[in-house]
Amino acid sequence: MSDEQTDTGTGWPQPAGPARPGGPAGEPDPRPDAPDPDELSPLAPQGPAEREPVDEPAVEPVDDGATVDLSAVPRSGEPVVGSDGLGEPVGESAAPAAAAGRSRWSTAGVMIAALLALLGFTLVVQLKTTSTDPTLGATRQEDLVRILSDLDARENRLQQDIRALEDSQRQLRSGEQGRQAALDEATRRADELGILAGTLPAVGPGLTVRFDAGAKPISANRVLDAVQELRGAGAEAMQISGADGASVRIIASTYFLDGDNGSLVVEGRRLTAPFTITVIGDPATMRTALNIPGGVVASVRGVGGNVTFGEREVAEVSALHVPIKLEHARPVS
């Protein structure tokens, strides 16, 4: 530094000239109204009261009554910080990106809604398909209750049979009474098998079912359907009779054929209409089985015929079947 410049203490060189009042550099000015040397420095920090006022952006009202702080609105070219912390410039490049994002989210929402609707429709169709029974769906509530009661009664009878067989087994193993118990059990089983085979007559509570032909004769298939429904409802013995009084015992091997002039051939014997089936079993259960919608009664009445029922406290099945002669089968020794 040359001799013509002096140090003012602020870091800025000052040309040589008359000395300021107050003495050499670095000493305070003794004048009472002298300004502070720090205030003269352009690098000295200024206090809050000495800073220049800054124009604050005004808050302008909007149409819906809310206010928008315009200071928070970024200027063109300034970065906008999103949820990921990264800034993107606001302007021509930000608007297409926001529009593309909205379009992408709206398309994804439509696809998700369509998939959910398709899934719901599939579930509803599957539930309706699996829970709908064409036969039981049209059955009345009282008929369903009666069928359920009949099934419970059959279960109780089977439980009683199981207990009876267990008692017979214990008696057969009891010693002195074993021989007589074995003989009684064999007799009882022979009677049951004789009724099932049609070689013995049977009596008991039951039902008579009469088939009257209409415009079309009663076919063999209709009669066979009735026999199968009665067996499924717990029938224990059956016979079929024609208008001339002839009767044929119905067993497991009985067959039915259509004859001439509306007649029916049963086990090789010709029967004339109308036909009457006498069956031993629970009357209410068997009648309900034949009256199920779409069953035997509905099919016969659909071709102009009619089916009538008659409950019997004591029904008699007297027709007998000739014992089958076995040619090949023999008891196991």
Protein backbone atom coordinates (compact mmCIF):
# COMPACT_ATOMS: atom_id res chain seq x y z
CA MET A 1 0.00 0.00 0.00
CA SER A 2 1.35 3.50 -0.86
CA ASP A 3 1.91 6.25 1.56
CA GLU A 4 -1.04 8.21 0.11
CA GLN A 5 -3.68 5.65 1.33
CA THR A 6 -4.64 5.00 4.90
CA ASP A 7 -6.47 2.16 6.50
CA THR A 8 -9.98 3.11 7.66
CA GLY A 9 -10.50 -0.10 9.65
CA THR A 10 -13.24 -1.32 7.36
CA GLY A 11 -11.05 -3.06 4.87
CA TRP A 12 -11.54 -0.46 2.15
CA PRO A 13 -8.64 1.76 1.18
CA GLN A 14 -9.20 5.45 1.38
CA PRO A 15 -7.13 8.11 -0.35
CA ALA A 16 -5.02 10.35 1.71
CA GLY A 17 -6.59 13.60 2.83
CA PRO A 18 -7.15 15.65 5.88
CA ALA A 19 -7.51 13.54 8.95
CA ARG A 20 -10.96 13.01 10.44
CA PRO A 21 -11.58 14.72 13.70
CA GLY A 22 -11.07 12.37 16.50
CA GLY A 23 -7.46 11.45 16.14
CA PRO A 24 -5.68 8.70 14.43
CA ALA A 25 -7.33 5.73 12.78
CA GLY A 26 -8.86 3.20 15.12
CA GLU A 27 -9.67 5.76 17.87
CA PRO A 28 -13.26 6.94 18.54
CA ASP A 29 -14.41 10.36 17.51
CA PRO A 30 -14.60 12.57 20.62
CA ARG A 31 -17.46 14.62 19.21
CA PRO A 32 -20.75 13.95 20.96
CA ASP A 33 -22.81 13.86 17.78
CA ALA A 34 -20.30 11.82 15.82
CA PRO A 35 -21.68 8.73 14.14
CA ASP A 36 -20.55 5.27 15.08
CA PRO A 37 -17.71 4.11 12.88
CA ASP A 38 -19.45 0.75 12.34
CA GLU A 39 -22.44 2.51 10.81
CA LEU A 40 -20.18 3.99 8.17
CA SER A 41 -18.97 0.58 7.00
CA PRO A 42 -20.88 -0.88 4.03
CA LEU A 43 -20.12 -4.41 5.32
CA ALA A 44 -21.47 -3.91 8.82
CA PRO A 45 -24.63 -5.89 9.63
CA GLN A 46 -27.79 -3.90 10.02
CA GLY A 47 -30.38 -4.41 12.71
CA PRO A 48 -34.05 -5.06 12.17
CA ALA A 49 -34.94 -1.45 12.45
CA GLU A 50 -32.34 -0.35 9.90
CA ARG A 51 -33.18 -2.92 7.16
CA GLU A 52 -34.91 -1.77 4.05
CA PRO A 53 -38.58 -2.67 3.84
CA VAL A 54 -39.47 -5.53 1.54
CA ASP A 55 -42.66 -5.50 -0.43
CA GLU A 56 -44.77 -8.49 0.74
CA PRO A 57 -47.05 -10.05 -1.88
CA ALA A 58 -50.66 -9.28 -1.29
CA VAL A 59 -53.28 -11.93 -0.49
CA GLU A 60 -56.00 -11.74 -3.09
CA PRO A 61 -59.52 -13.11 -2.47
CA VAL A 62 -60.90 -15.91 -4.62
CA ASP A 63 -64.43 -16.63 -5.73
CA ASP A 64 -65.31 -19.34 -3.15
CA GLY A 65 -64.52 -17.14 -0.17
CA ALA A 66 -61.12 -18.71 0.59
CA THR A 67 -57.86 -16.79 0.41
CA VAL A 68 -54.79 -17.82 -1.46
CA ASP A 69 -51.34 -16.82 -0.37
CA LEU A 70 -49.65 -15.70 -3.55
CA SER A 71 -46.26 -16.00 -1.90
CA ALA A 72 -46.70 -19.78 -1.91
CA VAL A 73 -47.29 -19.88 -5.65
CA PRO A 74 -44.03 -20.69 -7.37
CA ARG A 75 -42.87 -18.53 -10.20
CA SER A 76 -42.24 -19.91 -13.64
CA GLY A 77 -39.04 -21.87 -13.72
CA GLU A 78 -38.85 -22.43 -9.96
CA PRO A 79 -38.78 -26.03 -8.70
CA VAL A 80 -41.87 -27.56 -7.12
CA VAL A 81 -41.15 -30.05 -4.38
CA GLY A 82 -43.46 -33.04 -4.46
CA SER A 83 -44.09 -35.90 -2.01
CA ASP A 84 -40.85 -37.57 -3.06
CA GLY A 85 -38.81 -34.50 -2.17
CA LEU A 86 -37.71 -33.85 -5.76
CA GLY A 87 -38.48 -30.61 -7.50
CA GLU A 88 -39.73 -30.16 -11.01
CA PRO A 89 -39.95 -26.85 -12.78
CA VAL A 90 -43.35 -25.27 -12.96
CA GLY A 91 -44.35 -24.13 -16.38
CA GLU A 92 -44.87 -25.78 -19.69
CA SER A 93 -43.23 -29.10 -18.63
CA ALA A 94 -45.11 -29.50 -15.30
CA ALA A 95 -48.65 -29.16 -16.68
CA PRO A 96 -48.44 -32.09 -19.15
CA ALA A 97 -46.87 -34.27 -16.44
CA ALA A 98 -49.73 -33.53 -14.02
CA ALA A 99 -52.32 -34.19 -16.75
CA ALA A 100 -50.62 -37.46 -17.67
CA GLY A 101 -50.62 -38.51 -13.98
CA ARG A 102 -54.32 -37.76 -13.65
CA SER A 103 -55.08 -39.67 -16.85
CA ARG A 104 -53.00 -42.63 -15.69
CA TRP A 105 -54.75 -42.78 -12.30
CA SER A 106 -58.21 -42.39 -13.84
CA THR A 107 -57.54 -45.26 -16.29
CA ALA A 108 -56.27 -47.50 -13.47
CA GLY A 109 -59.35 -46.69 -11.38
CA VAL A 110 -61.66 -47.64 -14.23
CA MET A 111 -59.85 -50.95 -14.75
CA ILE A 112 -59.98 -51.79 -11.02
CA ALA A 113 -63.70 -50.97 -10.85
CA ALA A 114 -64.40 -53.14 -13.91
CA LEU A 115 -62.47 -56.09 -12.44
CA LEU A 116 -64.28 -55.79 -9.10
CA ALA A 117 -67.65 -55.69 -10.85
CA LEU A 118 -66.77 -58.77 -12.92
CA LEU A 119 -65.64 -60.63 -9.80
CA GLY A 120 -68.86 -59.79 -7.95
CA PHE A 121 -70.99 -60.91 -10.90
CA THR A 122 -69.10 -64.22 -11.11
CA LEU A 123 -69.58 -64.88 -7.38
CA VAL A 124 -73.32 -64.17 -7.57
CA VAL A 125 -73.78 -66.48 -10.58
CA GLN A 126 -71.80 -69.26 -8.88
CA LEU A 127 -73.81 -68.98 -5.66
CA LYS A 128 -77.10 -69.09 -7.56
CA THR A 129 -75.95 -72.08 -9.61
CA THR A 130 -74.72 -74.13 -6.64
CA SER A 131 -77.58 -73.25 -4.28
CA THR A 132 -80.49 -73.85 -6.68
CA ASP A 133 -82.04 -77.31 -6.93
CA PRO A 134 -84.57 -77.59 -9.80
CA THR A 135 -86.53 -80.26 -7.92
CA LEU A 136 -86.55 -78.96 -4.36
CA GLY A 137 -86.63 -75.31 -5.40
CA ALA A 138 -90.34 -75.55 -6.31
CA THR A 139 -91.31 -77.73 -3.34
CA ARG A 140 -93.53 -76.19 -0.70
CA GLN A 141 -92.15 -75.58 2.76
CA GLU A 142 -94.53 -78.00 4.46
CA ASP A 143 -93.50 -80.75 2.03
CA LEU A 144 -89.83 -80.15 2.80
CA VAL A 145 -90.55 -80.27 6.53
CA ARG A 146 -92.45 -83.54 6.11
CA ILE A 147 -89.64 -85.09 4.06
CA LEU A 148 -87.12 -84.09 6.73
CA SER A 149 -89.34 -85.58 9.43
CA ASP A 150 -89.66 -88.81 7.47
CA LEU A 151 -85.90 -89.05 7.08
CA ASP A 152 -85.51 -88.59 10.83
CA ALA A 153 -88.07 -91.33 11.44
CA ARG A 154 -86.21 -93.69 9.12
CA GLU A 155 -82.99 -92.92 10.92
CA ASN A 156 -84.64 -93.75 14.25
CA ARG A 157 -85.91 -97.06 12.86
CA LEU A 158 -82.46 -97.95 11.62
CA GLN A 159 -81.00 -97.12 15.02
CA GLN A 160 -83.57 -99.42 16.63
CA ASP A 161 -82.62 -102.20 14.19
CA ILE A 162 -78.98 -101.74 15.12
CA ARG A 163 -79.76 -102.01 18.82
CA ALA A 164 -81.91 -105.11 18.21
CA LEU A 165 -79.10 -106.80 16.30
CA GLU A 166 -76.65 -105.96 19.06
CA ASP A 167 -79.02 -107.49 21.63
CA SER A 168 -79.34 -110.61 19.51
CA GLN A 169 -75.57 -110.86 19.29
CA ARG A 170 -75.24 -110.63 23.07
CA GLN A 171 -77.91 -113.28 23.57
CA LEU A 172 -76.22 -115.64 21.13
CA ARG A 173 -73.07 -115.36 23.20
CA SER A 174 -74.78 -115.70 26.59
CA GLY A 175 -74.54 -119.50 26.96
CA GLU A 176 -77.74 -121.43 27.78
CA GLN A 177 -80.09 -119.01 26.02
CA GLY A 178 -77.86 -118.88 22.98
CA ARG A 179 -79.48 -121.81 21.18
CA GLN A 180 -83.07 -120.58 21.58
CA ALA A 181 -82.04 -117.02 20.73
CA ALA A 182 -80.34 -118.24 17.58
CA LEU A 183 -83.48 -120.11 16.55
CA ASP A 184 -85.71 -117.07 17.14
CA GLU A 185 -83.36 -114.84 15.25
CA ALA A 186 -83.24 -117.21 12.30
CA THR A 187 -87.05 -117.38 12.19
CA ARG A 188 -87.37 -113.60 12.24
CA ARG A 189 -84.84 -113.20 9.47
CA ALA A 190 -86.58 -115.86 7.38
CA ASP A 191 -89.89 -114.00 7.68
CA GLU A 192 -88.33 -110.72 6.66
CA LEU A 193 -86.59 -112.28 3.69
CA GLY A 194 -89.82 -114.06 2.71
CA ILE A 195 -91.68 -110.73 2.62
CA LEU A 196 -88.95 -109.06 0.62
CA ALA A 197 -88.78 -111.99 -1.79
CA GLY A 198 -92.56 -112.03 -2.16
CA THR A 199 -92.98 -115.61 -0.95
CA LEU A 200 -94.93 -114.60 2.19
CA PRO A 201 -98.00 -112.33 2.53
CA ALA A 202 -97.75 -109.14 4.56
CA VAL A 203 -100.10 -106.79 6.41
CA GLY A 204 -99.61 -103.39 7.98
CA PRO A 205 -100.35 -99.67 7.58
CA GLY A 206 -100.04 -98.51 4.04
CA LEU A 207 -101.47 -96.82 1.00
CA THR A 208 -103.34 -97.57 -2.22
CA VAL A 209 -102.38 -95.64 -5.37
CA ARG A 210 -104.77 -95.74 -8.35
CA PHE A 211 -103.75 -94.68 -11.88
CA ASP A 212 -106.57 -93.60 -14.24
CA ALA A 213 -105.69 -93.03 -17.87
CA GLY A 214 -106.73 -89.91 -19.77
CA ALA A 215 -106.25 -89.13 -23.44
CA LYS A 216 -103.13 -91.28 -23.38
CA PRO A 217 -102.75 -94.64 -21.62
CA ILE A 218 -100.65 -95.05 -18.48
CA SER A 219 -97.26 -96.19 -19.72
CA ALA A 220 -95.03 -98.78 -18.11
CA ASN A 221 -92.42 -96.11 -17.44
CA ARG A 222 -94.87 -94.14 -15.30
CA VAL A 223 -95.71 -97.20 -13.19
CA LEU A 224 -92.02 -98.08 -12.82
CA ASP A 225 -91.27 -94.51 -11.66
CA ALA A 226 -94.02 -94.82 -9.03
CA VAL A 227 -92.60 -98.13 -7.76
CA GLN A 228 -89.12 -96.65 -7.45
CA GLU A 229 -90.42 -93.57 -5.62
CA LEU A 230 -92.33 -95.80 -3.18
CA ARG A 231 -89.24 -97.91 -2.52
CA GLY A 232 -87.21 -94.79 -1.87
CA ALA A 233 -89.89 -93.62 0.60
CA GLY A 234 -89.61 -96.82 2.67
CA ALA A 235 -92.11 -99.24 1.08
CA GLU A 236 -91.69 -102.77 2.48
CA ALA A 237 -94.13 -104.80 0.35
CA MET A 238 -96.08 -104.01 -2.85
CA GLN A 239 -98.48 -105.56 -5.32
CA ILE A 240 -100.21 -104.21 -8.44
CA SER A 241 -103.74 -105.08 -9.54
CA GLY A 242 -105.70 -104.56 -12.76
CA ALA A 243 -109.35 -103.80 -13.46
CA ASP A 244 -110.16 -107.53 -13.63
CA GLY A 245 -108.84 -108.09 -10.08
CA ALA A 246 -105.68 -109.91 -11.10
CA SER A 247 -102.70 -109.06 -8.86
CA VAL A 248 -98.95 -109.46 -9.20
CA ARG A 249 -96.43 -109.22 -6.36
CA ILE A 250 -93.76 -106.59 -6.94
CA ILE A 251 -90.22 -107.53 -5.90
CA ALA A 252 -86.74 -106.38 -6.86
CA SER A 253 -86.74 -108.32 -10.15
CA THR A 254 -90.24 -107.35 -11.33
CA TYR A 255 -90.42 -105.84 -14.83
CA PHE A 256 -93.11 -103.77 -16.61
CA LEU A 257 -93.98 -103.65 -20.32
CA ASP A 258 -96.55 -101.73 -22.37
CA GLY A 259 -99.36 -103.99 -23.67
CA ASP A 260 -102.08 -103.60 -26.28
CA ASN A 261 -105.00 -101.18 -25.82
CA GLY A 262 -103.47 -99.46 -22.79
CA SER A 263 -102.79 -102.68 -20.92
CA LEU A 264 -99.70 -103.43 -18.83
CA VAL A 265 -97.58 -106.57 -18.78
CA VAL A 266 -96.10 -107.32 -15.33
CA GLU A 267 -93.91 -110.40 -14.88
CA GLY A 268 -95.43 -111.82 -18.05
CA ARG A 269 -99.02 -111.30 -16.84
CA ARG A 270 -101.37 -108.89 -18.64
CA LEU A 271 -103.25 -106.32 -16.54
CA THR A 272 -105.95 -103.95 -17.81
CA ALA A 273 -106.37 -100.31 -16.77
CA PRO A 274 -106.96 -98.75 -14.33
CA PHE A 275 -104.08 -99.97 -12.20
CA THR A 276 -103.89 -99.97 -8.40
CA ILE A 277 -100.73 -100.38 -6.36
CA THR A 278 -101.12 -101.56 -2.74
CA VAL A 279 -98.08 -100.76 -0.63
CA ILE A 280 -97.15 -101.25 3.05
CA GLY A 281 -95.17 -98.47 4.73
CA ASP A 282 -95.59 -94.99 6.17
CA PRO A 283 -98.55 -93.47 4.24
CA ALA A 284 -97.60 -89.82 4.72
CA THR A 285 -94.01 -90.34 3.57
CA MET A 286 -94.96 -92.28 0.46
CA ARG A 287 -97.70 -89.85 -0.51
CA THR A 288 -95.32 -86.90 -0.19
CA ALA A 289 -92.74 -88.67 -2.35
CA LEU A 290 -95.23 -89.16 -5.18
CA ASN A 291 -96.50 -85.55 -4.98
CA ILE A 292 -93.10 -83.85 -5.29
CA PRO A 293 -93.29 -81.24 -8.12
CA GLY A 294 -92.16 -82.82 -11.36
CA GLY A 295 -92.65 -86.33 -9.92
CA VAL A 296 -95.04 -89.17 -10.69
CA VAL A 297 -98.34 -87.39 -10.01
CA ALA A 298 -97.32 -84.33 -12.06
CA SER A 299 -96.17 -86.47 -15.01
CA VAL A 300 -99.39 -88.53 -15.08
CA ARG A 301 -101.59 -85.45 -14.86
CA GLY A 302 -99.49 -83.79 -17.54
CA VAL A 303 -100.76 -86.35 -20.12
CA GLY A 304 -104.39 -86.11 -19.01
CA GLY A 305 -104.40 -88.91 -16.43
CA ASN A 306 -105.10 -88.83 -12.71
CA VAL A 307 -103.67 -90.34 -9.53
CA THR A 308 -105.75 -90.93 -6.38
CA PHE A 309 -104.59 -92.05 -2.93
CA GLY A 310 -106.24 -94.03 -0.19
CA GLU A 311 -104.64 -94.42 3.23
CA ARG A 312 -105.14 -97.76 5.00
CA GLU A 313 -104.56 -98.53 8.64
CA VAL A 314 -104.25 -102.17 7.64
CA ALA A 315 -103.19 -102.80 4.08
CA GLU A 316 -102.88 -106.39 2.88
CA VAL A 317 -100.43 -107.59 0.28
CA SER A 318 -101.57 -111.13 -0.45
CA ALA A 319 -100.16 -111.83 -3.91
CA LEU A 320 -97.22 -114.21 -3.82
CA HIS A 321 -94.23 -114.65 -6.04
CA VAL A 322 -93.00 -118.07 -7.03
CA PRO A 323 -89.66 -118.77 -5.31
CA ILE A 324 -86.74 -118.36 -7.60
CA LYS A 325 -84.93 -121.60 -8.27
CA LEU A 326 -81.21 -121.09 -7.91
CA GLU A 327 -79.09 -122.90 -10.47
CA HIS A 328 -75.63 -121.58 -9.77
CA ALA A 329 -75.59 -119.82 -6.38
CA ARG A 330 -75.13 -121.70 -3.10
CA PRO A 331 -74.58 -120.62 0.52
CA VAL A 332 -71.04 -120.12 1.71
CA SER A 333 -70.06 -123.02 3.97
